[in-house]
Amino acid sequence: EEQFEHAELLTRMGYTATVEVLSRSVGAIPVEVQALLES
């Protein structure tokens, strides 16, 4: 029920945390997500 950025959460648990952006792209919103976001 608490929201933390995951790198902060891992750091709080004593890990050395790193984040990688593996891919980024712009495209049509998936059908299954349209209803969830009311888009």
Full PDB file with SEQRES, HELIX, SHEET, SSBOND, CRYST1, ORIGX, SCALE, CONECT and MASTER records, all heavy atoms in Angstrom:
SEQRES   1 A   39  GLU GLU GLN PHE GLU HIS ALA GLU LEU LEU THR ARG MET          
SEQRES   2 A   39  GLY TYR THR ALA THR VAL GLU VAL LEU SER ARG SER VAL          
SEQRES   3 A   39  GLY ALA ILE PRO VAL GLU VAL GLN ALA LEU LEU GLU SER          
HELIX    1 AA1 HIS A    6  ARG A   12  1                                   7    
HELIX    2 AA2 VAL A   31  LEU A   37  1                                   7    
CRYST1    1.000    1.000    1.000  90.00  90.00  90.00 P 1           1          
ORIGX1      1.000000  0.000000  0.000000        0.00000                         
ORIGX2      0.000000  1.000000  0.000000        0.00000                         
ORIGX3      0.000000  0.000000  1.000000        0.00000                         
SCALE1      1.000000  0.000000  0.000000        0.00000                         
SCALE2      0.000000  1.000000  0.000000        0.00000                         
SCALE3      0.000000  0.000000  1.000000        0.00000                         
ATOM      1  N   GLU A   1       0.813  -1.213   0.000  1.00  0.00           N  
ATOM      2  CA  GLU A   1       0.000   0.000   0.000  1.00  0.00           C  
ATOM      3  C   GLU A   1       0.853   1.272   0.000  1.00  0.00           C  
ATOM      4  O   GLU A   1       0.321   2.377  -0.018  1.00  0.00           O  
ATOM      5  CB  GLU A   1      -0.974   0.015   1.192  1.00  0.00           C  
ATOM      6  CG  GLU A   1      -0.322   0.104   2.560  1.00  0.00           C  
ATOM      7  CD  GLU A   1      -0.041  -1.244   3.174  1.00  0.00           C  
ATOM      8  OE1 GLU A   1       0.265  -2.197   2.432  1.00  0.00           O  
ATOM      9  OE2 GLU A   1      -0.128  -1.349   4.410  1.00  0.00           O  
ATOM     10  N   GLU A   2       2.169   1.128   0.028  1.00  0.00           N  
ATOM     11  CA  GLU A   2       3.071   2.270  -0.062  1.00  0.00           C  
ATOM     12  C   GLU A   2       3.740   2.278  -1.429  1.00  0.00           C  
ATOM     13  O   GLU A   2       4.173   1.240  -1.920  1.00  0.00           O  
ATOM     14  CB  GLU A   2       4.145   2.210   1.033  1.00  0.00           C  
ATOM     15  CG  GLU A   2       3.592   2.353   2.435  1.00  0.00           C  
ATOM     16  CD  GLU A   2       4.686   2.302   3.484  1.00  0.00           C  
ATOM     17  OE1 GLU A   2       5.718   1.643   3.241  1.00  0.00           O  
ATOM     18  OE2 GLU A   2       4.503   2.908   4.542  1.00  0.00           O  
ATOM     19  N   GLN A   3       3.832   3.448  -2.040  1.00  0.00           N  
ATOM     20  CA  GLN A   3       4.418   3.552  -3.372  1.00  0.00           C  
ATOM     21  C   GLN A   3       5.838   4.094  -3.262  1.00  0.00           C  
ATOM     22  O   GLN A   3       6.076   5.153  -2.683  1.00  0.00           O  
ATOM     23  CB  GLN A   3       3.557   4.469  -4.258  1.00  0.00           C  
ATOM     24  CG  GLN A   3       3.794   4.320  -5.753  1.00  0.00           C  
ATOM     25  CD  GLN A   3       5.083   4.952  -6.227  1.00  0.00           C  
ATOM     26  OE1 GLN A   3       5.518   5.976  -5.714  1.00  0.00           O  
ATOM     27  NE2 GLN A   3       5.705   4.340  -7.203  1.00  0.00           N  
ATOM     28  N   PHE A   4       6.787   3.352  -3.795  1.00  0.00           N  
ATOM     29  CA  PHE A   4       8.178   3.771  -3.857  1.00  0.00           C  
ATOM     30  C   PHE A   4       8.704   3.529  -5.262  1.00  0.00           C  
ATOM     31  O   PHE A   4       8.333   2.542  -5.899  1.00  0.00           O  
ATOM     32  CB  PHE A   4       9.059   2.974  -2.882  1.00  0.00           C  
ATOM     33  CG  PHE A   4       8.868   3.327  -1.435  1.00  0.00           C  
ATOM     34  CD1 PHE A   4       8.168   2.481  -0.596  1.00  0.00           C  
ATOM     35  CD2 PHE A   4       9.394   4.495  -0.909  1.00  0.00           C  
ATOM     36  CE1 PHE A   4       7.987   2.789   0.736  1.00  0.00           C  
ATOM     37  CE2 PHE A   4       9.220   4.817   0.422  1.00  0.00           C  
ATOM     38  CZ  PHE A   4       8.514   3.963   1.250  1.00  0.00           C  
ATOM     39  N   GLU A   5       9.546   4.416  -5.727  1.00  0.00           N  
ATOM     40  CA  GLU A   5      10.294   4.102  -6.940  1.00  0.00           C  
ATOM     41  C   GLU A   5      11.141   2.877  -6.621  1.00  0.00           C  
ATOM     42  O   GLU A   5      11.741   2.795  -5.558  1.00  0.00           O  
ATOM     43  CB  GLU A   5      11.155   5.301  -7.336  1.00  0.00           C  
ATOM     44  CG  GLU A   5      11.571   5.326  -8.803  1.00  0.00           C  
ATOM     45  CD  GLU A   5      12.622   4.287  -9.149  1.00  0.00           C  
ATOM     46  OE1 GLU A   5      13.539   4.095  -8.324  1.00  0.00           O  
ATOM     47  OE2 GLU A   5      12.534   3.673 -10.227  1.00  0.00           O  
ATOM     48  N   HIS A   6      11.191   1.909  -7.538  1.00  0.00           N  
ATOM     49  CA  HIS A   6      11.760   0.613  -7.186  1.00  0.00           C  
ATOM     50  C   HIS A   6      13.243   0.689  -6.830  1.00  0.00           C  
ATOM     51  O   HIS A   6      13.717  -0.070  -5.986  1.00  0.00           O  
ATOM     52  CB  HIS A   6      11.539  -0.388  -8.325  1.00  0.00           C  
ATOM     53  CG  HIS A   6      11.580  -1.814  -7.867  1.00  0.00           C  
ATOM     54  ND1 HIS A   6      10.640  -2.357  -7.020  1.00  0.00           N  
ATOM     55  CD2 HIS A   6      12.465  -2.819  -8.127  1.00  0.00           C  
ATOM     56  CE1 HIS A   6      10.937  -3.615  -6.775  1.00  0.00           C  
ATOM     57  NE2 HIS A   6      12.028  -3.931  -7.431  1.00  0.00           N  
ATOM     58  N   ALA A   7      13.977   1.602  -7.456  1.00  0.00           N  
ATOM     59  CA  ALA A   7      15.387   1.745  -7.115  1.00  0.00           C  
ATOM     60  C   ALA A   7      15.539   2.188  -5.663  1.00  0.00           C  
ATOM     61  O   ALA A   7      16.423   1.703  -4.943  1.00  0.00           O  
ATOM     62  CB  ALA A   7      16.066   2.743  -8.051  1.00  0.00           C  
ATOM     63  N   GLU A   8      14.666   3.091  -5.213  1.00  0.00           N  
ATOM     64  CA  GLU A   8      14.711   3.524  -3.815  1.00  0.00           C  
ATOM     65  C   GLU A   8      14.382   2.378  -2.886  1.00  0.00           C  
ATOM     66  O   GLU A   8      15.015   2.199  -1.844  1.00  0.00           O  
ATOM     67  CB  GLU A   8      13.736   4.683  -3.592  1.00  0.00           C  
ATOM     68  CG  GLU A   8      13.703   5.175  -2.157  1.00  0.00           C  
ATOM     69  CD  GLU A   8      12.625   6.207  -1.888  1.00  0.00           C  
ATOM     70  OE1 GLU A   8      12.026   6.715  -2.861  1.00  0.00           O  
ATOM     71  OE2 GLU A   8      12.373   6.492  -0.699  1.00  0.00           O  
ATOM     72  N   LEU A   9      13.381   1.578  -3.265  1.00  0.00           N  
ATOM     73  CA  LEU A   9      13.000   0.438  -2.444  1.00  0.00           C  
ATOM     74  C   LEU A   9      14.168  -0.542  -2.307  1.00  0.00           C  
ATOM     75  O   LEU A   9      14.469  -1.021  -1.211  1.00  0.00           O  
ATOM     76  CB  LEU A   9      11.787  -0.247  -3.064  1.00  0.00           C  
ATOM     77  CG  LEU A   9      11.126  -1.378  -2.298  1.00  0.00           C  
ATOM     78  CD1 LEU A   9       9.651  -1.460  -2.657  1.00  0.00           C  
ATOM     79  CD2 LEU A   9      11.784  -2.717  -2.585  1.00  0.00           C  
ATOM     80  N   LEU A  10      14.835  -0.843  -3.427  1.00  0.00           N  
ATOM     81  CA  LEU A  10      15.975  -1.771  -3.374  1.00  0.00           C  
ATOM     82  C   LEU A  10      17.089  -1.206  -2.516  1.00  0.00           C  
ATOM     83  O   LEU A  10      17.741  -1.939  -1.747  1.00  0.00           O  
ATOM     84  CB  LEU A  10      16.484  -2.041  -4.791  1.00  0.00           C  
ATOM     85  CG  LEU A  10      15.551  -2.852  -5.699  1.00  0.00           C  
ATOM     86  CD1 LEU A  10      16.098  -2.879  -7.124  1.00  0.00           C  
ATOM     87  CD2 LEU A  10      15.349  -4.272  -5.178  1.00  0.00           C  
ATOM     88  N   THR A  11      17.325   0.097  -2.611  1.00  0.00           N  
ATOM     89  CA  THR A  11      18.356   0.736  -1.794  1.00  0.00           C  
ATOM     90  C   THR A  11      18.003   0.643  -0.323  1.00  0.00           C  
ATOM     91  O   THR A  11      18.875   0.381   0.522  1.00  0.00           O  
ATOM     92  CB  THR A  11      18.526   2.207  -2.207  1.00  0.00           C  
ATOM     93  OG1 THR A  11      18.924   2.265  -3.579  1.00  0.00           O  
ATOM     94  CG2 THR A  11      19.585   2.895  -1.357  1.00  0.00           C  
ATOM     95  N   ARG A  12      16.745   0.858   0.005  1.00  0.00           N  
ATOM     96  CA  ARG A  12      16.289   0.757   1.391  1.00  0.00           C  
ATOM     97  C   ARG A  12      16.479  -0.654   1.943  1.00  0.00           C  
ATOM     98  O   ARG A  12      16.609  -0.840   3.152  1.00  0.00           O  
ATOM     99  CB  ARG A  12      14.817   1.158   1.489  1.00  0.00           C  
ATOM    100  CG  ARG A  12      14.570   2.660   1.435  1.00  0.00           C  
ATOM    101  CD  ARG A  12      13.128   2.977   1.091  1.00  0.00           C  
ATOM    102  NE  ARG A  12      12.164   2.385   1.997  1.00  0.00           N  
ATOM    103  CZ  ARG A  12      11.624   3.013   3.049  1.00  0.00           C  
ATOM    104  NH1 ARG A  12      11.964   4.260   3.307  1.00  0.00           N  
ATOM    105  NH2 ARG A  12      10.743   2.407   3.813  1.00  0.00           N  
ATOM    106  N   MET A  13      16.492  -1.661   1.060  1.00  0.00           N  
ATOM    107  CA  MET A  13      16.701  -3.038   1.489  1.00  0.00           C  
ATOM    108  C   MET A  13      18.170  -3.430   1.511  1.00  0.00           C  
ATOM    109  O   MET A  13      18.508  -4.576   1.789  1.00  0.00           O  
ATOM    110  CB  MET A  13      15.932  -3.980   0.558  1.00  0.00           C  
ATOM    111  CG  MET A  13      14.414  -3.870   0.660  1.00  0.00           C  
ATOM    112  SD  MET A  13      13.788  -4.315   2.292  1.00  0.00           S  
ATOM    113  CE  MET A  13      14.162  -6.061   2.340  1.00  0.00           C  
ATOM    114  N   GLY A  14      19.053  -2.477   1.179  1.00  0.00           N  
ATOM    115  CA  GLY A  14      20.486  -2.749   1.267  1.00  0.00           C  
ATOM    116  C   GLY A  14      21.140  -3.200  -0.012  1.00  0.00           C  
ATOM    117  O   GLY A  14      22.321  -3.541  -0.017  1.00  0.00           O  
ATOM    118  N   TYR A  15      20.403  -3.192  -1.122  1.00  0.00           N  
ATOM    119  CA  TYR A  15      20.988  -3.551  -2.410  1.00  0.00           C  
ATOM    120  C   TYR A  15      21.632  -2.326  -3.063  1.00  0.00           C  
ATOM    121  O   TYR A  15      21.251  -1.182  -2.783  1.00  0.00           O  
ATOM    122  CB  TYR A  15      19.911  -4.075  -3.374  1.00  0.00           C  
ATOM    123  CG  TYR A  15      19.283  -5.393  -2.999  1.00  0.00           C  
ATOM    124  CD1 TYR A  15      17.993  -5.436  -2.480  1.00  0.00           C  
ATOM    125  CD2 TYR A  15      19.962  -6.592  -3.201  1.00  0.00           C  
ATOM    126  CE1 TYR A  15      17.394  -6.642  -2.151  1.00  0.00           C  
ATOM    127  CE2 TYR A  15      19.370  -7.802  -2.877  1.00  0.00           C  
ATOM    128  CZ  TYR A  15      18.084  -7.827  -2.349  1.00  0.00           C  
ATOM    129  OH  TYR A  15      17.496  -9.025  -2.028  1.00  0.00           O  
ATOM    130  N   THR A  16      22.571  -2.570  -3.969  1.00  0.00           N  
ATOM    131  CA  THR A  16      23.044  -1.536  -4.879  1.00  0.00           C  
ATOM    132  C   THR A  16      22.151  -1.594  -6.108  1.00  0.00           C  
ATOM    133  O   THR A  16      22.141  -2.586  -6.830  1.00  0.00           O  
ATOM    134  CB  THR A  16      24.511  -1.765  -5.268  1.00  0.00           C  
ATOM    135  OG1 THR A  16      25.324  -1.706  -4.089  1.00  0.00           O  
ATOM    136  CG2 THR A  16      24.970  -0.692  -6.256  1.00  0.00           C  
ATOM    137  N   ALA A  17      21.347  -0.533  -6.308  1.00  0.00           N  
ATOM    138  CA  ALA A  17      20.312  -0.545  -7.337  1.00  0.00           C  
ATOM    139  C   ALA A  17      20.741   0.229  -8.568  1.00  0.00           C  
ATOM    140  O   ALA A  17      21.343   1.297  -8.466  1.00  0.00           O  
ATOM    141  CB  ALA A  17      19.018   0.031  -6.786  1.00  0.00           C  
ATOM    142  N   THR A  18      20.426  -0.319  -9.737  1.00  0.00           N  
ATOM    143  CA  THR A  18      20.626   0.371 -11.008  1.00  0.00           C  
ATOM    144  C   THR A  18      19.383   0.174 -11.867  1.00  0.00           C  
ATOM    145  O   THR A  18      18.641  -0.798 -11.696  1.00  0.00           O  
ATOM    146  CB  THR A  18      21.861  -0.150 -11.766  1.00  0.00           C  
ATOM    147  OG1 THR A  18      21.766  -1.586 -11.891  1.00  0.00           O  
ATOM    148  CG2 THR A  18      23.147   0.200 -11.035  1.00  0.00           C  
ATOM    149  N   VAL A  19      19.149   1.114 -12.780  1.00  0.00           N  
ATOM    150  CA  VAL A  19      17.983   1.060 -13.663  1.00  0.00           C  
ATOM    151  C   VAL A  19      18.450   1.167 -15.102  1.00  0.00           C  
ATOM    152  O   VAL A  19      19.282   2.014 -15.434  1.00  0.00           O  
ATOM    153  CB  VAL A  19      16.988   2.205 -13.357  1.00  0.00           C  
ATOM    154  CG1 VAL A  19      15.722   2.040 -14.193  1.00  0.00           C  
ATOM    155  CG2 VAL A  19      16.650   2.252 -11.878  1.00  0.00           C  
ATOM    156  N   GLU A  20      17.900   0.310 -15.957  1.00  0.00           N  
ATOM    157  CA  GLU A  20      18.217   0.326 -17.381  1.00  0.00           C  
ATOM    158  C   GLU A  20      16.946   0.601 -18.184  1.00  0.00           C  
ATOM    159  O   GLU A  20      15.908  -0.023 -17.924  1.00  0.00           O  
ATOM    160  CB  GLU A  20      18.782  -1.025 -17.833  1.00  0.00           C  
ATOM    161  CG  GLU A  20      20.044  -1.458 -17.122  1.00  0.00           C  
ATOM    162  CD  GLU A  20      20.463  -2.862 -17.536  1.00  0.00           C  
ATOM    163  OE1 GLU A  20      19.562  -3.685 -17.881  1.00  0.00           O  
ATOM    164  OE2 GLU A  20      21.682  -3.139 -17.508  1.00  0.00           O  
ATOM    165  N   VAL A  21      17.018   1.536 -19.124  1.00  0.00           N  
ATOM    166  CA  VAL A  21      15.932   1.741 -20.076  1.00  0.00           C  
ATOM    167  C   VAL A  21      16.258   0.882 -21.293  1.00  0.00           C  
ATOM    168  O   VAL A  21      17.209   1.151 -22.026  1.00  0.00           O  
ATOM    169  CB  VAL A  21      15.788   3.215 -20.476  1.00  0.00           C  
ATOM    170  CG1 VAL A  21      14.683   3.371 -21.522  1.00  0.00           C  
ATOM    171  CG2 VAL A  21      15.492   4.074 -19.250  1.00  0.00           C  
ATOM    172  N   LEU A  22      15.483  -0.168 -21.507  1.00  0.00           N  
ATOM    173  CA  LEU A  22      15.779  -1.132 -22.558  1.00  0.00           C  
ATOM    174  C   LEU A  22      15.195  -0.723 -23.911  1.00  0.00           C  
ATOM    175  O   LEU A  22      15.772  -1.025 -24.950  1.00  0.00           O  
ATOM    176  CB  LEU A  22      15.256  -2.515 -22.156  1.00  0.00           C  
ATOM    177  CG  LEU A  22      15.802  -3.069 -20.826  1.00  0.00           C  
ATOM    178  CD1 LEU A  22      15.208  -4.441 -20.543  1.00  0.00           C  
ATOM    179  CD2 LEU A  22      17.329  -3.135 -20.847  1.00  0.00           C  
ATOM    180  N   SER A  23      14.052  -0.047 -23.891  1.00  0.00           N  
ATOM    181  CA  SER A  23      13.457   0.407 -25.153  1.00  0.00           C  
ATOM    182  C   SER A  23      12.428   1.488 -24.869  1.00  0.00           C  
ATOM    183  O   SER A  23      11.819   1.523 -23.795  1.00  0.00           O  
ATOM    184  CB  SER A  23      12.804  -0.756 -25.913  1.00  0.00           C  
ATOM    185  OG  SER A  23      11.698  -1.270 -25.197  1.00  0.00           O  
ATOM    186  N   ARG A  24      12.244   2.384 -25.869  1.00  0.00           N  
ATOM    187  CA  ARG A  24      11.224   3.434 -25.811  1.00  0.00           C  
ATOM    188  C   ARG A  24      10.695   3.648 -27.221  1.00  0.00           C  
ATOM    189  O   ARG A  24      11.462   3.707 -28.185  1.00  0.00           O  
ATOM    190  CB  ARG A  24      11.822   4.761 -25.299  1.00  0.00           C  
ATOM    191  CG  ARG A  24      12.317   4.723 -23.872  1.00  0.00           C  
ATOM    192  CD  ARG A  24      13.079   6.004 -23.535  1.00  0.00           C  
ATOM    193  NE  ARG A  24      12.184   7.140 -23.465  1.00  0.00           N  
ATOM    194  CZ  ARG A  24      11.557   7.534 -22.362  1.00  0.00           C  
ATOM    195  NH1 ARG A  24      11.718   6.857 -21.244  1.00  0.00           N  
ATOM    196  NH2 ARG A  24      10.774   8.586 -22.363  1.00  0.00           N  
ATOM    197  N   SER A  25       9.368   3.743 -27.349  1.00  0.00           N  
ATOM    198  CA  SER A  25       8.766   3.988 -28.653  1.00  0.00           C  
ATOM    199  C   SER A  25       7.368   4.555 -28.462  1.00  0.00           C  
ATOM    200  O   SER A  25       6.755   4.394 -27.397  1.00  0.00           O  
ATOM    201  CB  SER A  25       8.704   2.704 -29.485  1.00  0.00           C  
ATOM    202  OG  SER A  25       7.890   1.731 -28.846  1.00  0.00           O  
ATOM    203  N   VAL A  26       6.865   5.229 -29.490  1.00  0.00           N  
ATOM    204  CA  VAL A  26       5.505   5.774 -29.485  1.00  0.00           C  
ATOM    205  C   VAL A  26       4.674   4.985 -30.484  1.00  0.00           C  
ATOM    206  O   VAL A  26       5.114   4.714 -31.606  1.00  0.00           O  
ATOM    207  CB  VAL A  26       5.502   7.268 -29.848  1.00  0.00           C  
ATOM    208  CG1 VAL A  26       4.073   7.789 -29.998  1.00  0.00           C  
ATOM    209  CG2 VAL A  26       6.245   8.075 -28.786  1.00  0.00           C  
ATOM    210  N   GLY A  27       3.476   4.581 -30.075  1.00  0.00           N  
ATOM    211  CA  GLY A  27       2.612   3.808 -30.963  1.00  0.00           C  
ATOM    212  C   GLY A  27       1.171   3.824 -30.507  1.00  0.00           C  
ATOM    213  O   GLY A  27       0.824   4.468 -29.506  1.00  0.00           O  
ATOM    214  N   ALA A  28       0.336   3.106 -31.231  1.00  0.00           N  
ATOM    215  CA  ALA A  28      -1.088   3.031 -30.892  1.00  0.00           C  
ATOM    216  C   ALA A  28      -1.272   2.307 -29.564  1.00  0.00           C  
ATOM    217  O   ALA A  28      -0.574   1.331 -29.261  1.00  0.00           O  
ATOM    218  CB  ALA A  28      -1.841   2.304 -32.001  1.00  0.00           C  
ATOM    219  N   ILE A  29      -2.215   2.785 -28.790  1.00  0.00           N  
ATOM    220  CA  ILE A  29      -2.450   2.168 -27.487  1.00  0.00           C  
ATOM    221  C   ILE A  29      -3.109   0.804 -27.688  1.00  0.00           C  
ATOM    222  O   ILE A  29      -4.022   0.652 -28.507  1.00  0.00           O  
ATOM    223  CB  ILE A  29      -3.325   3.089 -26.613  1.00  0.00           C  
ATOM    224  CG1 ILE A  29      -3.353   2.588 -25.170  1.00  0.00           C  
ATOM    225  CG2 ILE A  29      -4.732   3.223 -27.155  1.00  0.00           C  
ATOM    226  CD1 ILE A  29      -3.893   3.603 -24.195  1.00  0.00           C  
ATOM    227  N   PRO A  30      -2.637  -0.236 -26.995  1.00  0.00           N  
ATOM    228  CA  PRO A  30      -3.230  -1.572 -27.165  1.00  0.00           C  
ATOM    229  C   PRO A  30      -4.710  -1.586 -26.803  1.00  0.00           C  
ATOM    230  O   PRO A  30      -5.156  -0.862 -25.913  1.00  0.00           O  
ATOM    231  CB  PRO A  30      -2.414  -2.437 -26.194  1.00  0.00           C  
ATOM    232  CG  PRO A  30      -1.128  -1.701 -26.005  1.00  0.00           C  
ATOM    233  CD  PRO A  30      -1.478  -0.253 -26.084  1.00  0.00           C  
ATOM    234  N   VAL A  31      -5.457  -2.421 -27.505  1.00  0.00           N  
ATOM    235  CA  VAL A  31      -6.899  -2.503 -27.287  1.00  0.00           C  
ATOM    236  C   VAL A  31      -7.222  -2.831 -25.835  1.00  0.00           C  
ATOM    237  O   VAL A  31      -8.141  -2.248 -25.236  1.00  0.00           O  
ATOM    238  CB  VAL A  31      -7.520  -3.561 -28.222  1.00  0.00           C  
ATOM    239  CG1 VAL A  31      -9.000  -3.751 -27.904  1.00  0.00           C  
ATOM    240  CG2 VAL A  31      -7.335  -3.160 -29.681  1.00  0.00           C  
ATOM    241  N   GLU A  32      -6.473  -3.779 -25.249  1.00  0.00           N  
ATOM    242  CA  GLU A  32      -6.784  -4.201 -23.884  1.00  0.00           C  
ATOM    243  C   GLU A  32      -6.504  -3.105 -22.856  1.00  0.00           C  
ATOM    244  O   GLU A  32      -6.991  -3.162 -21.718  1.00  0.00           O  
ATOM    245  CB  GLU A  32      -5.988  -5.462 -23.523  1.00  0.00           C  
ATOM    246  CG  GLU A  32      -4.477  -5.287 -23.445  1.00  0.00           C  
ATOM    247  CD  GLU A  32      -3.783  -5.471 -24.787  1.00  0.00           C  
ATOM    248  OE1 GLU A  32      -4.480  -5.432 -25.828  1.00  0.00           O  
ATOM    249  OE2 GLU A  32      -2.555  -5.654 -24.775  1.00  0.00           O  
ATOM    250  N   VAL A  33      -5.725  -2.100 -23.236  1.00  0.00           N  
ATOM    251  CA  VAL A  33      -5.402  -1.006 -22.317  1.00  0.00           C  
ATOM    252  C   VAL A  33      -6.342   0.182 -22.509  1.00  0.00           C  
ATOM    253  O   VAL A  33      -6.531   0.989 -21.605  1.00  0.00           O  
ATOM    254  CB  VAL A  33      -3.929  -0.565 -22.495  1.00  0.00           C  
ATOM    255  CG1 VAL A  33      -3.571   0.580 -21.556  1.00  0.00           C  
ATOM    256  CG2 VAL A  33      -3.001  -1.754 -22.250  1.00  0.00           C  
ATOM    257  N   GLN A  34      -6.968   0.276 -23.669  1.00  0.00           N  
ATOM    258  CA  GLN A  34      -7.863   1.406 -23.952  1.00  0.00           C  
ATOM    259  C   GLN A  34      -8.961   1.534 -22.904  1.00  0.00           C  
ATOM    260  O   GLN A  34      -9.222   2.622 -22.391  1.00  0.00           O  
ATOM    261  CB  GLN A  34      -8.493   1.240 -25.337  1.00  0.00           C  
ATOM    262  CG  GLN A  34      -7.529   1.424 -26.493  1.00  0.00           C  
ATOM    263  CD  GLN A  34      -8.197   1.129 -27.826  1.00  0.00           C  
ATOM    264  OE1 GLN A  34      -9.428   1.036 -27.917  1.00  0.00           O  
ATOM    265  NE2 GLN A  34      -7.389   0.960 -28.865  1.00  0.00           N  
ATOM    266  N   ALA A  35      -9.616   0.429 -22.582  1.00  0.00           N  
ATOM    267  CA  ALA A  35     -10.707   0.483 -21.610  1.00  0.00           C  
ATOM    268  C   ALA A  35     -10.191   0.826 -20.216  1.00  0.00           C  
ATOM    269  O   ALA A  35     -10.840   1.564 -19.463  1.00  0.00           O  
ATOM    270  CB  ALA A  35     -11.454  -0.849 -21.582  1.00  0.00           C  
ATOM    271  N   LEU A  36      -9.033   0.297 -19.872  1.00  0.00           N  
ATOM    272  CA  LEU A  36      -8.476   0.563 -18.542  1.00  0.00           C  
ATOM    273  C   LEU A  36      -8.171   2.040 -18.351  1.00  0.00           C  
ATOM    274  O   LEU A  36      -8.351   2.582 -17.254  1.00  0.00           O  
ATOM    275  CB  LEU A  36      -7.212  -0.272 -18.329  1.00  0.00           C  
ATOM    276  CG  LEU A  36      -7.396  -1.789 -18.311  1.00  0.00           C  
ATOM    277  CD1 LEU A  36      -6.052  -2.495 -18.219  1.00  0.00           C  
ATOM    278  CD2 LEU A  36      -8.291  -2.207 -17.146  1.00  0.00           C  
ATOM    279  N   LEU A  37      -7.681   2.696 -19.401  1.00  0.00           N  
ATOM    280  CA  LEU A  37      -7.334   4.115 -19.310  1.00  0.00           C  
ATOM    281  C   LEU A  37      -8.461   5.015 -19.814  1.00  0.00           C  
ATOM    282  O   LEU A  37      -8.294   6.243 -19.822  1.00  0.00           O  
ATOM    283  CB  LEU A  37      -6.046   4.396 -20.099  1.00  0.00           C  
ATOM    284  CG  LEU A  37      -4.785   3.685 -19.608  1.00  0.00           C  
ATOM    285  CD1 LEU A  37      -3.574   4.154 -20.408  1.00  0.00           C  
ATOM    286  CD2 LEU A  37      -4.556   3.914 -18.125  1.00  0.00           C  
ATOM    287  N   GLU A  38      -9.570   4.424 -20.221  1.00  0.00           N  
ATOM    288  CA  GLU A  38     -10.705   5.178 -20.752  1.00  0.00           C  
ATOM    289  C   GLU A  38     -10.248   6.121 -21.870  1.00  0.00           C  
ATOM    290  O   GLU A  38     -10.599   7.300 -21.908  1.00  0.00           O  
ATOM    291  CB  GLU A  38     -11.392   5.982 -19.637  1.00  0.00           C  
ATOM    292  CG  GLU A  38     -11.991   5.117 -18.546  1.00  0.00           C  
ATOM    293  CD  GLU A  38     -12.728   5.913 -17.487  1.00  0.00           C  
ATOM    294  OE1 GLU A  38     -12.221   6.976 -17.077  1.00  0.00           O  
ATOM    295  OE2 GLU A  38     -13.822   5.473 -17.070  1.00  0.00           O  
ATOM    296  N   SER A  39      -9.472   5.577 -22.788  1.00  0.00           N  
ATOM    297  CA  SER A  39      -8.872   6.397 -23.842  1.00  0.00           C  
ATOM    298  C   SER A  39      -9.564   6.171 -25.178  1.00  0.00           C  
ATOM    299  O   SER A  39     -10.246   5.158 -25.398  1.00  0.00           O  
ATOM    300  CB  SER A  39      -7.383   6.063 -23.981  1.00  0.00           C  
ATOM    301  OG  SER A  39      -7.215   4.727 -24.418  1.00  0.00           O  
TER     302      SER A  39                                                      
MASTER        0    0    0    2    0    0    0    6  301    1    0    3          
END                                                                             
